[in-house]
PDB file of N, CA and C in Angstrom:
ATOM      1  N   MET A   1       0.808  -1.187  -0.072  1.00  0.00           N
ATOM      2  CA  MET A   1      -0.027  -0.023  -0.041  1.00  0.00           C
ATOM      3  C   MET A   1       0.840   1.296  -0.032  1.00  0.00           C
ATOM      4  N   ASP A   2       0.801   2.198  -0.935  1.00  0.00           N
ATOM      5  CA  ASP A   2       1.584   3.259  -1.034  1.00  0.00           C
ATOM      6  C   ASP A   2       1.043   4.501  -0.201  1.00  0.00           C
ATOM      7  N   HIS A   3       1.875   5.435   0.060  1.00  0.00           N
ATOM      8  CA  HIS A   3       1.506   6.566   0.893  1.00  0.00           C
ATOM      9  C   HIS A   3       0.290   7.263   0.761  1.00  0.00           C
ATOM     10  N   THR A   4       0.000   7.490  -0.509  1.00  0.00           N
ATOM     11  CA  THR A   4      -1.368   8.183  -0.936  1.00  0.00           C
ATOM     12  C   THR A   4      -2.591   7.301  -0.560  1.00  0.00           C
ATOM     13  N   THR A   5      -2.402   6.171  -0.926  1.00  0.00           N
ATOM     14  CA  THR A   5      -3.596   5.164  -0.571  1.00  0.00           C
ATOM     15  C   THR A   5      -3.932   5.124   1.034  1.00  0.00           C
ATOM     16  N   LEU A   6      -2.607   5.008   1.911  1.00  0.00           N
ATOM     17  CA  LEU A   6      -2.602   4.866   3.230  1.00  0.00           C
ATOM     18  C   LEU A   6      -3.373   6.365   3.688  1.00  0.00           C
ATOM     19  N   ALA A   7      -2.845   7.434   3.269  1.00  0.00           N
ATOM     20  CA  ALA A   7      -3.375   8.702   3.713  1.00  0.00           C
ATOM     21  C   ALA A   7      -4.840   8.864   3.397  1.00  0.00           C
ATOM     22  N   ARG A   8      -5.399   8.404   2.310  1.00  0.00           N
ATOM     23  CA  ARG A   8      -6.938   8.353   1.985  1.00  0.00           C
ATOM     24  C   ARG A   8      -7.625   7.572   2.916  1.00  0.00           C
ATOM     25  N   ASN A   9      -7.005   6.314   3.122  1.00  0.00           N
ATOM     26  CA  ASN A   9      -7.809   5.270   3.951  1.00  0.00           C
ATOM     27  C   ASN A   9      -7.800   5.921   5.390  1.00  0.00           C
ATOM     28  N   LEU A  10      -6.731   6.587   5.834  1.00  0.00           N
ATOM     29  CA  LEU A  10      -6.651   7.137   7.228  1.00  0.00           C
ATOM     30  C   LEU A  10      -7.838   8.154   7.281  1.00  0.00           C
ATOM     31  N   GLN A  11      -7.888   9.150   6.171  1.00  0.00           N
ATOM     32  CA  GLN A  11      -8.870  10.191   6.146  1.00  0.00           C
ATOM     33  C   GLN A  11     -10.323   9.600   6.206  1.00  0.00           C
ATOM     34  N   ALA A  12     -10.438   8.461   5.400  1.00  0.00           N
ATOM     35  CA  ALA A  12     -11.885   7.932   5.588  1.00  0.00           C
ATOM     36  C   ALA A  12     -12.154   7.378   6.889  1.00  0.00           C
ATOM     37  N   ILE A  13     -11.459   6.802   7.627  1.00  0.00           N
ATOM     38  CA  ILE A  13     -11.394   6.177   8.964  1.00  0.00           C
ATOM     39  C   ILE A  13     -11.708   7.553   9.969  1.00  0.00           C
ATOM     40  N   GLN A  14     -10.962   8.699   9.864  1.00  0.00           N
ATOM     41  CA  GLN A  14     -11.212   9.706  10.629  1.00  0.00           C
ATOM     42  C   GLN A  14     -12.522  10.239  10.428  1.00  0.00           C
ATOM     43  N   VAL A  15     -13.141  10.416   9.224  1.00  0.00           N
ATOM     44  CA  VAL A  15     -14.351  10.918   8.778  1.00  0.00           C
ATOM     45  C   VAL A  15     -15.387  10.160   9.476  1.00  0.00           C
ATOM     46  N   ALA A  16     -15.318   8.692   9.396  1.00  0.00           N
ATOM     47  CA  ALA A  16     -16.149   7.764   9.869  1.00  0.00           C
ATOM     48  C   ALA A  16     -16.254   7.937  11.467  1.00  0.00           C
ATOM     49  N   VAL A  17     -15.052   8.083  11.992  1.00  0.00           N
ATOM     50  CA  VAL A  17     -15.053   8.261  13.546  1.00  0.00           C
ATOM     51  C   VAL A  17     -15.652   9.514  13.981  1.00  0.00           C
ATOM     52  N   GLU A  18     -15.393  10.716  13.048  1.00  0.00           N
ATOM     53  CA  GLU A  18     -15.998  11.932  13.649  1.00  0.00           C
ATOM     54  C   GLU A  18     -17.733  11.789  13.396  1.00  0.00           C
ATOM     55  N   SER A  19     -18.073  11.246  12.384  1.00  0.00           N
ATOM     56  CA  SER A  19     -19.479  10.935  12.059  1.00  0.00           C
ATOM     57  C   SER A  19     -20.195  10.008  13.291  1.00  0.00           C
ATOM     58  N   GLN A  20     -19.502   9.062  13.855  1.00  0.00           N
ATOM     59  CA  GLN A  20     -19.948   8.315  14.799  1.00  0.00           C
ATOM     60  C   GLN A  20     -19.975   9.308  16.048  1.00  0.00           C
ATOM     61  N   LYS A  21     -19.052  10.010  16.432  1.00  0.00           N
ATOM     62  CA  LYS A  21     -18.936  10.902  17.384  1.00  0.00           C
ATOM     63  C   LYS A  21     -20.125  11.941  17.581  1.00  0.00           C
ATOM     64  N   GLN A  22     -20.320  12.512  16.485  1.00  0.00           N
ATOM     65  CA  GLN A  22     -21.451  13.401  16.333  1.00  0.00           C
ATOM     66  C   GLN A  22     -22.831  12.574  16.501  1.00  0.00           C
ATOM     67  N   LEU A  23     -22.949  11.507  15.906  1.00  0.00           N
ATOM     68  CA  LEU A  23     -24.209  10.752  16.176  1.00  0.00           C
ATOM     69  C   LEU A  23     -24.507  10.413  17.672  1.00  0.00           C
ATOM     70  N   MET A  24     -23.406  10.029  18.303  1.00  0.00           N
ATOM     71  CA  MET A  24     -23.530   9.886  19.849  1.00  0.00           C
ATOM     72  C   MET A  24     -23.755  11.059  20.562  1.00  0.00           C
ATOM     73  N   GLU A  25     -23.206  12.267  20.209  1.00  0.00           N
ATOM     74  CA  GLU A  25     -23.343  13.434  20.959  1.00  0.00           C
ATOM     75  C   GLU A  25     -24.834  13.932  20.670  1.00  0.00           C
ATOM     76  N   THR A  26     -25.474  13.819  19.498  1.00  0.00           N
ATOM     77  CA  THR A  26     -26.688  14.202  19.104  1.00  0.00           C
ATOM     78  C   THR A  26     -27.614  13.268  19.852  1.00  0.00           C
ATOM     79  N   THR A  27     -27.476  11.810  20.020  1.00  0.00           N
ATOM     80  CA  THR A  27     -28.357  10.938  20.763  1.00  0.00           C
ATOM     81  C   THR A  27     -28.328  11.483  22.266  1.00  0.00           C
ATOM     82  N   ASP A  28     -27.105  11.502  22.843  1.00  0.00           N
ATOM     83  CA  ASP A  28     -27.202  11.928  24.232  1.00  0.00           C
ATOM     84  C   ASP A  28     -27.993  13.279  24.257  1.00  0.00           C
ATOM     85  N   PHE A  29     -27.820  14.196  23.483  1.00  0.00           N
ATOM     86  CA  PHE A  29     -28.720  15.314  23.565  1.00  0.00           C
ATOM     87  C   PHE A  29     -30.205  15.100  23.381  1.00  0.00           C
ATOM     88  N   CYS A  30     -30.629  14.311  22.371  1.00  0.00           N
ATOM     89  CA  CYS A  30     -32.019  14.238  21.988  1.00  0.00           C
ATOM     90  C   CYS A  30     -32.728  13.223  22.877  1.00  0.00           C
ATOM     91  N   TRP A  31     -32.015  12.060  23.449  1.00  0.00           N
ATOM     92  CA  TRP A  31     -32.613  11.025  24.083  1.00  0.00           C
ATOM     93  C   TRP A  31     -33.421  11.572  25.355  1.00  0.00           C
ATOM     94  N   PRO A  32     -32.774  12.463  26.215  1.00  0.00           N
ATOM     95  CA  PRO A  32     -33.515  12.693  27.585  1.00  0.00           C
ATOM     96  C   PRO A  32     -34.891  13.580  27.111  1.00  0.00           C
ATOM     97  N   ILE A  33     -34.688  14.379  25.961  1.00  0.00           N
ATOM     98  CA  ILE A  33     -35.733  15.273  25.562  1.00  0.00           C
ATOM     99  C   ILE A  33     -37.087  14.382  24.902  1.00  0.00           C
ATOM    100  N   CYS A  34     -36.579  13.446  24.020  1.00  0.00           N
ATOM    101  CA  CYS A  34     -37.702  12.556  23.376  1.00  0.00           C
ATOM    102  C   CYS A  34     -38.159  11.596  24.223  1.00  0.00           C
ATOM    103  N   MET A  35     -37.391  10.961  24.997  1.00  0.00           N
ATOM    104  CA  MET A  35     -37.719   9.805  25.784  1.00  0.00           C
ATOM    105  C   MET A  35     -38.373  10.208  27.249  1.00  0.00           C
ATOM    106  N   ARG A  36     -38.584  11.377  27.444  1.00  0.00           N
ATOM    107  CA  ARG A  36     -39.117  11.589  28.883  1.00  0.00           C
ATOM    108  C   ARG A  36     -40.527  11.049  28.882  1.00  0.00           C
ATOM    109  N   ASN A  37     -40.846  10.510  29.984  1.00  0.00           N
ATOM    110  CA  ASN A  37     -42.179   9.773  30.191  1.00  0.00           C
ATOM    111  C   ASN A  37     -42.354   8.910  29.089  1.00  0.00           C
ATOM    112  N   ALA A  38     -41.513   8.174  28.370  1.00  0.00           N
ATOM    113  CA  ALA A  38     -41.892   7.332  27.499  1.00  0.00           C
ATOM    114  C   ALA A  38     -41.923   5.930  27.996  1.00  0.00           C
ATOM    115  N   ARG A  39     -42.851   4.970  27.270  1.00  0.00           N
ATOM    116  CA  ARG A  39     -42.750   3.603  27.767  1.00  0.00           C
ATOM    117  C   ARG A  39     -41.694   3.020  26.724  1.00  0.00           C
ATOM    118  N   ILE A  40     -40.894   2.170  27.401  1.00  0.00           N
ATOM    119  CA  ILE A  40     -39.934   1.540  26.730  1.00  0.00           C
ATOM    120  C   ILE A  40     -40.342   0.097  26.150  1.00  0.00           C
ATOM    121  N   GLY A  41     -40.300   0.185  24.720  1.00  0.00           N
ATOM    122  CA  GLY A  41     -40.806  -1.211  24.251  1.00  0.00           C
ATOM    123  C   GLY A  41     -39.814  -1.470  23.194  1.00  0.00           C
ATOM    124  N   THR A  42     -40.224  -2.350  22.242  1.00  0.00           N
ATOM    125  CA  THR A  42     -39.082  -2.751  21.271  1.00  0.00           C
ATOM    126  C   THR A  42     -38.919  -1.780  20.103  1.00  0.00           C
ATOM    127  N   GLU A  43     -39.899  -0.893  19.863  1.00  0.00           N
ATOM    128  CA  GLU A  43     -39.753   0.226  18.835  1.00  0.00           C
ATOM    129  C   GLU A  43     -40.100   1.598  19.412  1.00  0.00           C
ATOM    130  N   LEU A  44     -39.606   2.558  18.669  1.00  0.00           N
ATOM    131  CA  LEU A  44     -40.023   3.992  19.029  1.00  0.00           C
ATOM    132  C   LEU A  44     -41.530   4.241  18.592  1.00  0.00           C
ATOM    133  N   ASP A  45     -42.382   4.969  19.304  1.00  0.00           N
ATOM    134  CA  ASP A  45     -43.637   5.143  18.679  1.00  0.00           C
ATOM    135  C   ASP A  45     -43.505   6.344  17.828  1.00  0.00           C
ATOM    136  N   ARG A  46     -44.604   6.587  17.201  1.00  0.00           N
ATOM    137  CA  ARG A  46     -44.542   7.753  16.187  1.00  0.00           C
ATOM    138  C   ARG A  46     -44.032   9.149  16.678  1.00  0.00           C
ATOM    139  N   SER A  47     -44.686   9.533  17.776  1.00  0.00           N
ATOM    140  CA  SER A  47     -44.150  10.769  18.369  1.00  0.00           C
ATOM    141  C   SER A  47     -42.812  10.836  18.722  1.00  0.00           C
ATOM    142  N   GLN A  48     -42.224   9.683  19.323  1.00  0.00           N
ATOM    143  CA  GLN A  48     -40.860   9.561  19.641  1.00  0.00           C
ATOM    144  C   GLN A  48     -39.980   9.717  18.332  1.00  0.00           C
ATOM    145  N   LYS A  49     -40.489   9.003  17.270  1.00  0.00           N
ATOM    146  CA  LYS A  49     -39.689   9.198  15.873  1.00  0.00           C
ATOM    147  C   LYS A  49     -39.655  10.590  15.592  1.00  0.00           C
ATOM    148  N   VAL A  50     -40.706  11.190  15.556  1.00  0.00           N
ATOM    149  CA  VAL A  50     -40.919  12.562  15.056  1.00  0.00           C
ATOM    150  C   VAL A  50     -40.004  13.536  15.944  1.00  0.00           C
ATOM    151  N   CYS A  51     -40.039  13.225  17.222  1.00  0.00           N
ATOM    152  CA  CYS A  51     -39.215  14.064  18.052  1.00  0.00           C
ATOM    153  C   CYS A  51     -37.707  13.973  17.717  1.00  0.00           C
ATOM    154  N   PHE A  52     -37.204  12.760  17.775  1.00  0.00           N
ATOM    155  CA  PHE A  52     -35.859  12.407  17.435  1.00  0.00           C
ATOM    156  C   PHE A  52     -35.542  13.094  15.996  1.00  0.00           C
ATOM    157  N   SER A  53     -36.240  12.970  14.941  1.00  0.00           N
ATOM    158  CA  SER A  53     -35.958  13.594  13.809  1.00  0.00           C
ATOM    159  C   SER A  53     -36.085  15.242  13.751  1.00  0.00           C
ATOM    160  N   ASN A  54     -36.869  15.714  14.436  1.00  0.00           N
ATOM    161  CA  ASN A  54     -36.882  17.149  14.749  1.00  0.00           C
ATOM    162  C   ASN A  54     -35.666  17.547  15.458  1.00  0.00           C
ATOM    163  N   CYS A  55     -35.312  16.899  16.566  1.00  0.00           N
ATOM    164  CA  CYS A  55     -34.228  17.315  17.353  1.00  0.00           C
ATOM    165  C   CYS A  55     -32.823  17.134  16.609  1.00  0.00           C
ATOM    166  N   VAL A  56     -32.753  16.085  15.925  1.00  0.00           N
ATOM    167  CA  VAL A  56     -31.552  16.058  15.092  1.00  0.00           C
ATOM    168  C   VAL A  56     -31.232  16.950  13.887  1.00  0.00           C
ATOM    169  N   VAL A  57     -32.391  17.336  13.207  1.00  0.00           N
ATOM    170  CA  VAL A  57     -32.473  18.356  12.289  1.00  0.00           C
ATOM    171  C   VAL A  57     -31.944  19.675  12.895  1.00  0.00           C
ATOM    172  N   ARG A  58     -32.793  20.179  14.150  1.00  0.00           N
ATOM    173  CA  ARG A  58     -32.401  21.185  14.766  1.00  0.00           C
ATOM    174  C   ARG A  58     -30.965  21.395  15.215  1.00  0.00           C
ATOM    175  N   SER A  59     -30.491  20.155  15.769  1.00  0.00           N
ATOM    176  CA  SER A  59     -29.111  20.181  16.209  1.00  0.00           C
ATOM    177  C   SER A  59     -28.138  20.528  15.048  1.00  0.00           C
ATOM    178  N   ILE A  60     -28.431  19.874  13.860  1.00  0.00           N
ATOM    179  CA  ILE A  60     -27.651  19.988  12.576  1.00  0.00           C
ATOM    180  C   ILE A  60     -27.583  21.460  12.341  1.00  0.00           C
ATOM    181  N   ASP A  61     -28.908  22.078  12.178  1.00  0.00           N
ATOM    182  CA  ASP A  61     -28.998  23.380  11.728  1.00  0.00           C
ATOM    183  C   ASP A  61     -28.305  24.320  12.688  1.00  0.00           C
ATOM    184  N   ALA A  62     -28.348  24.171  14.207  1.00  0.00           N
ATOM    185  CA  ALA A  62     -27.638  24.870  15.051  1.00  0.00           C
ATOM    186  C   ALA A  62     -26.259  24.870  14.879  1.00  0.00           C
ATOM    187  N   GLU A  63     -25.575  23.682  14.835  1.00  0.00           N
ATOM    188  CA  GLU A  63     -24.321  23.594  14.445  1.00  0.00           C
ATOM    189  C   GLU A  63     -23.700  24.179  13.236  1.00  0.00           C
ATOM    190  N   ARG A  64     -24.557  24.158  12.214  1.00  0.00           N
ATOM    191  CA  ARG A  64     -24.137  24.855  11.091  1.00  0.00           C
ATOM    192  C   ARG A  64     -24.086  26.302  11.114  1.00  0.00           C
ATOM    193  N   MET A  65     -25.058  26.758  11.877  1.00  0.00           N
ATOM    194  CA  MET A  65     -25.301  28.328  12.079  1.00  0.00           C
ATOM    195  C   MET A  65     -24.038  28.796  12.815  1.00  0.00           C
ATOM    196  N   ILE A  66     -23.658  27.976  13.868  1.00  0.00           N
ATOM    197  CA  ILE A  66     -22.635  28.427  14.807  1.00  0.00           C
ATOM    198  C   ILE A  66     -21.473  28.524  14.010  1.00  0.00           C
ATOM    199  N   ALA A  67     -21.118  27.380  13.325  1.00  0.00           N
ATOM    200  CA  ALA A  67     -19.806  27.232  12.482  1.00  0.00           C
ATOM    201  C   ALA A  67     -19.915  28.447  11.496  1.00  0.00           C
ATOM    202  N   GLN A  68     -20.930  28.835  10.936  1.00  0.00           N
ATOM    203  CA  GLN A  68     -20.852  29.892   9.998  1.00  0.00           C
ATOM    204  C   GLN A  68     -20.560  31.302  10.582  1.00  0.00           C
ATOM    205  N   ARG A  69     -21.157  31.500  11.821  1.00  0.00           N
ATOM    206  CA  ARG A  69     -20.875  32.751  12.445  1.00  0.00           C
ATOM    207  C   ARG A  69     -19.415  32.756  12.732  1.00  0.00           C
ATOM    208  N   VAL A  70     -18.793  31.581  13.378  1.00  0.00           N
ATOM    209  CA  VAL A  70     -17.393  31.478  13.770  1.00  0.00           C
ATOM    210  C   VAL A  70     -16.538  31.856  12.625  1.00  0.00           C
ATOM    211  N   LEU A  71     -16.749  31.319  11.431  1.00  0.00           N
ATOM    212  CA  LEU A  71     -16.172  31.707  10.139  1.00  0.00           C
ATOM    213  C   LEU A  71     -16.252  32.927   9.818  1.00  0.00           C
ATOM    214  N   VAL A  72     -17.419  33.533   9.815  1.00  0.00           N
ATOM    215  CA  VAL A  72     -17.529  35.043   9.668  1.00  0.00           C
ATOM    216  C   VAL A  72     -16.735  35.880  10.569  1.00  0.00           C
ATOM    217  N   ALA A  73     -16.925  35.659  11.923  1.00  0.00           N
ATOM    218  CA  ALA A  73     -16.017  36.333  12.873  1.00  0.00           C
ATOM    219  C   ALA A  73     -14.755  36.133  12.676  1.00  0.00           C
ATOM    220  N   MET A  74     -14.144  35.017  12.291  1.00  0.00           N
ATOM    221  CA  MET A  74     -12.749  34.724  11.986  1.00  0.00           C
ATOM    222  C   MET A  74     -12.199  35.560  10.685  1.00  0.00           C
ATOM    223  N   LYS A  75     -13.078  35.653   9.663  1.00  0.00           N
ATOM    224  CA  LYS A  75     -12.800  36.452   8.598  1.00  0.00           C
ATOM    225  C   LYS A  75     -12.652  37.776   8.903  1.00  0.00           C
ATOM    226  N   GLN A  76     -13.687  38.390   9.791  1.00  0.00           N
ATOM    227  CA  GLN A  76     -13.816  39.721  10.129  1.00  0.00           C
ATOM    228  C   GLN A  76     -12.711  40.099  11.065  1.00  0.00           C
ATOM    229  N   SER A  77     -12.268  39.202  11.808  1.00  0.00           N
ATOM    230  CA  SER A  77     -11.130  39.596  12.738  1.00  0.00           C
ATOM    231  C   SER A  77      -9.760  39.560  12.132  1.00  0.00           C
ATOM    232  N   SER A  78      -9.573  38.697  10.858  1.00  0.00           N
ATOM    233  CA  SER A  78      -8.436  38.867  10.193  1.00  0.00           C
ATOM    234  C   SER A  78      -8.261  39.897   9.184  1.00  0.00           C
ATOM    235  N   THR A  79      -9.281  40.602   8.843  1.00  0.00           N
ATOM    236  CA  THR A  79      -9.363  41.649   7.956  1.00  0.00           C
ATOM    237  C   THR A  79      -9.434  42.909   8.776  1.00  0.00           C
ATOM    238  N   GLY A  80      -9.721  42.923  10.115  1.00  0.00           N
ATOM    239  CA  GLY A  80      -9.949  44.060  10.784  1.00  0.00           C
ATOM    240  C   GLY A  80     -11.270  44.671  10.784  1.00  0.00           C
ATOM    241  N   GLU A  81     -12.347  44.093  10.248  1.00  0.00           N
ATOM    242  CA  GLU A  81     -13.534  44.522   9.879  1.00  0.00           C
ATOM    243  C   GLU A  81     -14.388  44.379  11.373  1.00  0.00           C
ATOM    244  N   ALA A  82     -15.445  45.236  11.650  1.00  0.00           N
ATOM    245  CA  ALA A  82     -16.221  45.023  12.871  1.00  0.00           C
ATOM    246  C   ALA A  82     -17.630  44.808  12.146  1.00  0.00           C
ATOM    247  N   GLU A  83     -18.355  44.145  13.029  1.00  0.00           N
ATOM    248  CA  GLU A  83     -19.961  43.787  12.740  1.00  0.00           C
ATOM    249  C   GLU A  83     -20.794  45.050  12.650  1.00  0.00           C
TER     250      GLU A  83
END
């Protein structure tokens, strides 16, 4: 295996690990919200599924918004601009 292939494989593994980390963090955040007062069974009921879906989408949106604001602030800081 050459260096380039090894580097690509390592990058793919890092992306997979980061994805798993994000999934676990989102689950840890959404679980107490969506499973409050829930009856534990073999499947999630409809309201739990909707709650998890909404929670995950909102979490992703919030992370993107924060990342975008940080990027803008960093660009403004590097160019000396003020908001």
